[in-house]
PDB file of N, CA and C in Angstrom:
ATOM      1  N   MET A   1     -70.960  34.646 -30.068  1.00  0.00           N
ATOM      2  CA  MET A   1     -69.996  33.704 -30.602  1.00  0.00           C
ATOM      3  C   MET A   1     -70.179  32.318 -29.986  1.00  0.00           C
ATOM      4  N   GLY A   2     -71.119  32.164 -29.102  1.00  0.00           N
ATOM      5  CA  GLY A   2     -71.338  30.862 -28.479  1.00  0.00           C
ATOM      6  C   GLY A   2     -71.795  29.833 -29.492  1.00  0.00           C
ATOM      7  N   GLY A   3     -71.537  28.589 -29.188  1.00  0.00           N
ATOM      8  CA  GLY A   3     -71.965  27.504 -30.052  1.00  0.00           C
ATOM      9  C   GLY A   3     -71.003  27.159 -31.160  1.00  0.00           C
ATOM     10  N   ARG A   4     -69.918  27.875 -31.275  1.00  0.00           N
ATOM     11  CA  ARG A   4     -68.947  27.560 -32.321  1.00  0.00           C
ATOM     12  C   ARG A   4     -67.937  26.550 -31.793  1.00  0.00           C
ATOM     13  N   TYR A   5     -67.495  25.696 -32.675  1.00  0.00           N
ATOM     14  CA  TYR A   5     -66.474  24.727 -32.305  1.00  0.00           C
ATOM     15  C   TYR A   5     -65.737  24.286 -33.562  1.00  0.00           C
ATOM     16  N   VAL A   6     -64.609  23.686 -33.372  1.00  0.00           N
ATOM     17  CA  VAL A   6     -63.829  23.125 -34.474  1.00  0.00           C
ATOM     18  C   VAL A   6     -63.804  21.618 -34.264  1.00  0.00           C
ATOM     19  N   ALA A   7     -64.159  20.887 -35.280  1.00  0.00           N
ATOM     20  CA  ALA A   7     -64.205  19.428 -35.183  1.00  0.00           C
ATOM     21  C   ALA A   7     -62.899  18.822 -35.683  1.00  0.00           C
ATOM     22  N   PHE A   8     -62.362  17.906 -34.918  1.00  0.00           N
ATOM     23  CA  PHE A   8     -61.187  17.136 -35.299  1.00  0.00           C
ATOM     24  C   PHE A   8     -61.559  15.670 -35.221  1.00  0.00           C
ATOM     25  N   ARG A   9     -61.209  14.905 -36.214  1.00  0.00           N
ATOM     26  CA  ARG A   9     -61.446  13.465 -36.172  1.00  0.00           C
ATOM     27  C   ARG A   9     -60.188  12.821 -35.595  1.00  0.00           C
ATOM     28  N   ILE A  10     -60.319  12.215 -34.426  1.00  0.00           N
ATOM     29  CA  ILE A  10     -59.198  11.574 -33.749  1.00  0.00           C
ATOM     30  C   ILE A  10     -59.563  10.116 -33.513  1.00  0.00           C
ATOM     31  N   TYR A  11     -58.699   9.246 -33.935  1.00  0.00           N
ATOM     32  CA  TYR A  11     -58.945   7.824 -33.759  1.00  0.00           C
ATOM     33  C   TYR A  11     -58.242   7.326 -32.505  1.00  0.00           C
ATOM     34  N   SER A  12     -58.874   6.399 -31.858  1.00  0.00           N
ATOM     35  CA  SER A  12     -58.353   5.828 -30.627  1.00  0.00           C
ATOM     36  C   SER A  12     -57.113   4.984 -30.903  1.00  0.00           C
ATOM     37  N   LEU A  13     -56.234   4.955 -29.918  1.00  0.00           N
ATOM     38  CA  LEU A  13     -55.068   4.079 -29.998  1.00  0.00           C
ATOM     39  C   LEU A  13     -55.513   2.636 -29.792  1.00  0.00           C
ATOM     40  N   SER A  14     -54.823   1.731 -30.424  1.00  0.00           N
ATOM     41  CA  SER A  14     -55.056   0.322 -30.141  1.00  0.00           C
ATOM     42  C   SER A  14     -54.472   0.025 -28.763  1.00  0.00           C
ATOM     43  N   TYR A  15     -54.797  -1.127 -28.224  1.00  0.00           N
ATOM     44  CA  TYR A  15     -54.267  -1.500 -26.910  1.00  0.00           C
ATOM     45  C   TYR A  15     -52.739  -1.561 -26.939  1.00  0.00           C
ATOM     46  N   THR A  16     -52.189  -2.114 -28.001  1.00  0.00           N
ATOM     47  CA  THR A  16     -50.724  -2.201 -28.134  1.00  0.00           C
ATOM     48  C   THR A  16     -50.103  -0.807 -28.174  1.00  0.00           C
ATOM     49  N   GLU A  17     -50.710   0.105 -28.927  1.00  0.00           N
ATOM     50  CA  GLU A  17     -50.213   1.481 -28.987  1.00  0.00           C
ATOM     51  C   GLU A  17     -50.335   2.163 -27.629  1.00  0.00           C
ATOM     52  N   PHE A  18     -51.435   1.923 -26.928  1.00  0.00           N
ATOM     53  CA  PHE A  18     -51.636   2.475 -25.587  1.00  0.00           C
ATOM     54  C   PHE A  18     -50.508   2.039 -24.657  1.00  0.00           C
ATOM     55  N   LEU A  19     -50.163   0.757 -24.702  1.00  0.00           N
ATOM     56  CA  LEU A  19     -49.064   0.246 -23.866  1.00  0.00           C
ATOM     57  C   LEU A  19     -47.751   0.951 -24.203  1.00  0.00           C
ATOM     58  N   GLU A  20     -47.472   1.128 -25.485  1.00  0.00           N
ATOM     59  CA  GLU A  20     -46.239   1.785 -25.909  1.00  0.00           C
ATOM     60  C   GLU A  20     -46.223   3.256 -25.496  1.00  0.00           C
ATOM     61  N   PHE A  21     -47.333   3.965 -25.717  1.00  0.00           N
ATOM     62  CA  PHE A  21     -47.416   5.386 -25.368  1.00  0.00           C
ATOM     63  C   PHE A  21     -47.147   5.624 -23.884  1.00  0.00           C
ATOM     64  N   HIS A  22     -47.716   4.760 -23.040  1.00  0.00           N
ATOM     65  CA  HIS A  22     -47.619   4.955 -21.593  1.00  0.00           C
ATOM     66  C   HIS A  22     -46.522   4.115 -20.945  1.00  0.00           C
ATOM     67  N   GLN A  23     -45.778   3.399 -21.768  1.00  0.00           N
ATOM     68  CA  GLN A  23     -44.680   2.555 -21.292  1.00  0.00           C
ATOM     69  C   GLN A  23     -45.167   1.627 -20.178  1.00  0.00           C
ATOM     70  N   LEU A  24     -46.235   0.884 -20.485  1.00  0.00           N
ATOM     71  CA  LEU A  24     -46.834  -0.040 -19.529  1.00  0.00           C
ATOM     72  C   LEU A  24     -46.567  -1.478 -19.954  1.00  0.00           C
ATOM     73  N   GLN A  25     -46.559  -2.369 -18.981  1.00  0.00           N
ATOM     74  CA  GLN A  25     -46.473  -3.798 -19.251  1.00  0.00           C
ATOM     75  C   GLN A  25     -47.870  -4.315 -19.567  1.00  0.00           C
ATOM     76  N   ASP A  26     -47.946  -5.345 -20.381  1.00  0.00           N
ATOM     77  CA  ASP A  26     -49.226  -5.954 -20.732  1.00  0.00           C
ATOM     78  C   ASP A  26     -49.688  -6.820 -19.564  1.00  0.00           C
ATOM     79  N   ASP A  27     -50.502  -6.234 -18.687  1.00  0.00           N
ATOM     80  CA  ASP A  27     -51.032  -6.966 -17.548  1.00  0.00           C
ATOM     81  C   ASP A  27     -52.466  -6.501 -17.275  1.00  0.00           C
ATOM     82  N   GLU A  28     -53.081  -7.060 -16.258  1.00  0.00           N
ATOM     83  CA  GLU A  28     -54.476  -6.725 -15.957  1.00  0.00           C
ATOM     84  C   GLU A  28     -54.659  -5.257 -15.590  1.00  0.00           C
ATOM     85  N   ALA A  29     -53.697  -4.678 -14.895  1.00  0.00           N
ATOM     86  CA  ALA A  29     -53.796  -3.268 -14.507  1.00  0.00           C
ATOM     87  C   ALA A  29     -53.785  -2.363 -15.739  1.00  0.00           C
ATOM     88  N   ALA A  30     -52.942  -2.666 -16.714  1.00  0.00           N
ATOM     89  CA  ALA A  30     -52.878  -1.868 -17.945  1.00  0.00           C
ATOM     90  C   ALA A  30     -54.164  -2.027 -18.749  1.00  0.00           C
ATOM     91  N   LEU A  31     -54.679  -3.235 -18.837  1.00  0.00           N
ATOM     92  CA  LEU A  31     -55.923  -3.472 -19.557  1.00  0.00           C
ATOM     93  C   LEU A  31     -57.077  -2.726 -18.890  1.00  0.00           C
ATOM     94  N   GLU A  32     -57.105  -2.693 -17.574  1.00  0.00           N
ATOM     95  CA  GLU A  32     -58.142  -1.961 -16.844  1.00  0.00           C
ATOM     96  C   GLU A  32     -58.064  -0.466 -17.140  1.00  0.00           C
ATOM     97  N   LYS A  33     -56.848   0.079 -17.199  1.00  0.00           N
ATOM     98  CA  LYS A  33     -56.680   1.494 -17.534  1.00  0.00           C
ATOM     99  C   LYS A  33     -57.161   1.779 -18.948  1.00  0.00           C
ATOM    100  N   TYR A  34     -56.841   0.893 -19.874  1.00  0.00           N
ATOM    101  CA  TYR A  34     -57.253   1.078 -21.265  1.00  0.00           C
ATOM    102  C   TYR A  34     -58.779   1.051 -21.391  1.00  0.00           C
ATOM    103  N   THR A  35     -59.414   0.083 -20.754  1.00  0.00           N
ATOM    104  CA  THR A  35     -60.871  -0.003 -20.847  1.00  0.00           C
ATOM    105  C   THR A  35     -61.556   1.108 -20.069  1.00  0.00           C
ATOM    106  N   ARG A  36     -60.938   1.605 -19.027  1.00  0.00           N
ATOM    107  CA  ARG A  36     -61.531   2.680 -18.218  1.00  0.00           C
ATOM    108  C   ARG A  36     -61.375   4.050 -18.883  1.00  0.00           C
ATOM    109  N   PHE A  37     -60.197   4.344 -19.380  1.00  0.00           N
ATOM    110  CA  PHE A  37     -59.893   5.668 -19.904  1.00  0.00           C
ATOM    111  C   PHE A  37     -59.951   5.761 -21.427  1.00  0.00           C
ATOM    112  N   GLY A  38     -59.854   4.646 -22.117  1.00  0.00           N
ATOM    113  CA  GLY A  38     -59.865   4.671 -23.576  1.00  0.00           C
ATOM    114  C   GLY A  38     -58.470   4.918 -24.133  1.00  0.00           C
ATOM    115  N   GLY A  39     -58.406   5.044 -25.426  1.00  0.00           N
ATOM    116  CA  GLY A  39     -57.111   5.170 -26.080  1.00  0.00           C
ATOM    117  C   GLY A  39     -56.884   6.516 -26.735  1.00  0.00           C
ATOM    118  N   PHE A  40     -57.403   7.589 -26.133  1.00  0.00           N
ATOM    119  CA  PHE A  40     -57.171   8.907 -26.710  1.00  0.00           C
ATOM    120  C   PHE A  40     -55.687   9.257 -26.632  1.00  0.00           C
ATOM    121  N   PRO A  41     -55.088   9.646 -27.761  1.00  0.00           N
ATOM    122  CA  PRO A  41     -53.652   9.936 -27.786  1.00  0.00           C
ATOM    123  C   PRO A  41     -53.215  11.012 -26.787  1.00  0.00           C
ATOM    124  N   TYR A  42     -54.054  12.028 -26.527  1.00  0.00           N
ATOM    125  CA  TYR A  42     -53.656  13.114 -25.623  1.00  0.00           C
ATOM    126  C   TYR A  42     -53.419  12.627 -24.190  1.00  0.00           C
ATOM    127  N   LEU A  43     -53.983  11.491 -23.827  1.00  0.00           N
ATOM    128  CA  LEU A  43     -53.796  10.969 -22.472  1.00  0.00           C
ATOM    129  C   LEU A  43     -52.323  10.748 -22.142  1.00  0.00           C
ATOM    130  N   ARG A  44     -51.510  10.690 -23.167  1.00  0.00           N
ATOM    131  CA  ARG A  44     -50.077  10.533 -22.944  1.00  0.00           C
ATOM    132  C   ARG A  44     -49.519  11.693 -22.114  1.00  0.00           C
ATOM    133  N   HIS A  45     -50.139  12.845 -22.209  1.00  0.00           N
ATOM    134  CA  HIS A  45     -49.674  14.038 -21.516  1.00  0.00           C
ATOM    135  C   HIS A  45     -50.265  14.203 -20.119  1.00  0.00           C
ATOM    136  N   LEU A  46     -51.099  13.264 -19.713  1.00  0.00           N
ATOM    137  CA  LEU A  46     -51.767  13.361 -18.407  1.00  0.00           C
ATOM    138  C   LEU A  46     -51.391  12.177 -17.528  1.00  0.00           C
ATOM    139  N   PRO A  47     -51.368  12.398 -16.226  1.00  0.00           N
ATOM    140  CA  PRO A  47     -51.189  11.251 -15.330  1.00  0.00           C
ATOM    141  C   PRO A  47     -52.460  10.402 -15.380  1.00  0.00           C
ATOM    142  N   LEU A  48     -52.325   9.097 -15.442  1.00  0.00           N
ATOM    143  CA  LEU A  48     -53.483   8.213 -15.555  1.00  0.00           C
ATOM    144  C   LEU A  48     -54.148   8.013 -14.191  1.00  0.00           C
ATOM    145  N   ARG A  49     -54.757   9.094 -13.706  1.00  0.00           N
ATOM    146  CA  ARG A  49     -55.514   9.068 -12.451  1.00  0.00           C
ATOM    147  C   ARG A  49     -56.945   9.485 -12.753  1.00  0.00           C
ATOM    148  N   ASP A  50     -57.890   8.875 -12.055  1.00  0.00           N
ATOM    149  CA  ASP A  50     -59.310   9.117 -12.331  1.00  0.00           C
ATOM    150  C   ASP A  50     -59.668  10.590 -12.416  1.00  0.00           C
ATOM    151  N   GLU A  51     -59.319  11.365 -11.399  1.00  0.00           N
ATOM    152  CA  GLU A  51     -59.765  12.758 -11.352  1.00  0.00           C
ATOM    153  C   GLU A  51     -59.220  13.587 -12.509  1.00  0.00           C
ATOM    154  N   VAL A  52     -58.034  13.274 -12.975  1.00  0.00           N
ATOM    155  CA  VAL A  52     -57.415  14.020 -14.071  1.00  0.00           C
ATOM    156  C   VAL A  52     -58.003  13.587 -15.417  1.00  0.00           C
ATOM    157  N   VAL A  53     -57.996  12.300 -15.666  1.00  0.00           N
ATOM    158  CA  VAL A  53     -58.440  11.792 -16.962  1.00  0.00           C
ATOM    159  C   VAL A  53     -59.937  12.006 -17.162  1.00  0.00           C
ATOM    160  N   LEU A  54     -60.742  11.764 -16.137  1.00  0.00           N
ATOM    161  CA  LEU A  54     -62.184  11.917 -16.298  1.00  0.00           C
ATOM    162  C   LEU A  54     -62.564  13.374 -16.550  1.00  0.00           C
ATOM    163  N   GLU A  55     -61.854  14.319 -15.974  1.00  0.00           N
ATOM    164  CA  GLU A  55     -62.099  15.735 -16.267  1.00  0.00           C
ATOM    165  C   GLU A  55     -61.785  16.029 -17.735  1.00  0.00           C
ATOM    166  N   TYR A  56     -60.694  15.496 -18.237  1.00  0.00           N
ATOM    167  CA  TYR A  56     -60.351  15.664 -19.649  1.00  0.00           C
ATOM    168  C   TYR A  56     -61.419  15.031 -20.542  1.00  0.00           C
ATOM    169  N   LEU A  57     -61.832  13.803 -20.225  1.00  0.00           N
ATOM    170  CA  LEU A  57     -62.823  13.123 -21.044  1.00  0.00           C
ATOM    171  C   LEU A  57     -64.163  13.858 -21.056  1.00  0.00           C
ATOM    172  N   ARG A  58     -64.544  14.483 -19.954  1.00  0.00           N
ATOM    173  CA  ARG A  58     -65.781  15.264 -19.901  1.00  0.00           C
ATOM    174  C   ARG A  58     -65.719  16.481 -20.828  1.00  0.00           C
ATOM    175  N   SER A  59     -64.518  16.961 -21.101  1.00  0.00           N
ATOM    176  CA  SER A  59     -64.367  18.163 -21.930  1.00  0.00           C
ATOM    177  C   SER A  59     -64.402  17.860 -23.423  1.00  0.00           C
ATOM    178  N   ILE A  60     -64.436  16.588 -23.790  1.00  0.00           N
ATOM    179  CA  ILE A  60     -64.447  16.203 -25.196  1.00  0.00           C
ATOM    180  C   ILE A  60     -65.881  16.041 -25.661  1.00  0.00           C
ATOM    181  N   TYR A  61     -66.186  16.630 -26.767  1.00  0.00           N
ATOM    182  CA  TYR A  61     -67.498  16.477 -27.381  1.00  0.00           C
ATOM    183  C   TYR A  61     -67.381  15.435 -28.484  1.00  0.00           C
ATOM    184  N   ILE A  62     -68.174  14.384 -28.375  1.00  0.00           N
ATOM    185  CA  ILE A  62     -68.154  13.330 -29.386  1.00  0.00           C
ATOM    186  C   ILE A  62     -69.542  13.256 -30.006  1.00  0.00           C
ATOM    187  N   PRO A  63     -69.687  13.654 -31.287  1.00  0.00           N
ATOM    188  CA  PRO A  63     -71.021  13.619 -31.929  1.00  0.00           C
ATOM    189  C   PRO A  63     -71.489  12.214 -32.213  1.00  0.00           C
TER     190      PRO A  63
END
């Protein structure tokens, strides 16, 4: 059964949506988080810390 997967098309949040999702102020720190982690909607459920987010991002397959 290896090699099987289900593909979902997920679009990134805009910077404005990212700020709203994470309840952040529009400042340099928020912009750095957006450019570092991206705008994946699921990030709303994770603490925005390198070790947590980067592990999640490694688990995503992007063709």
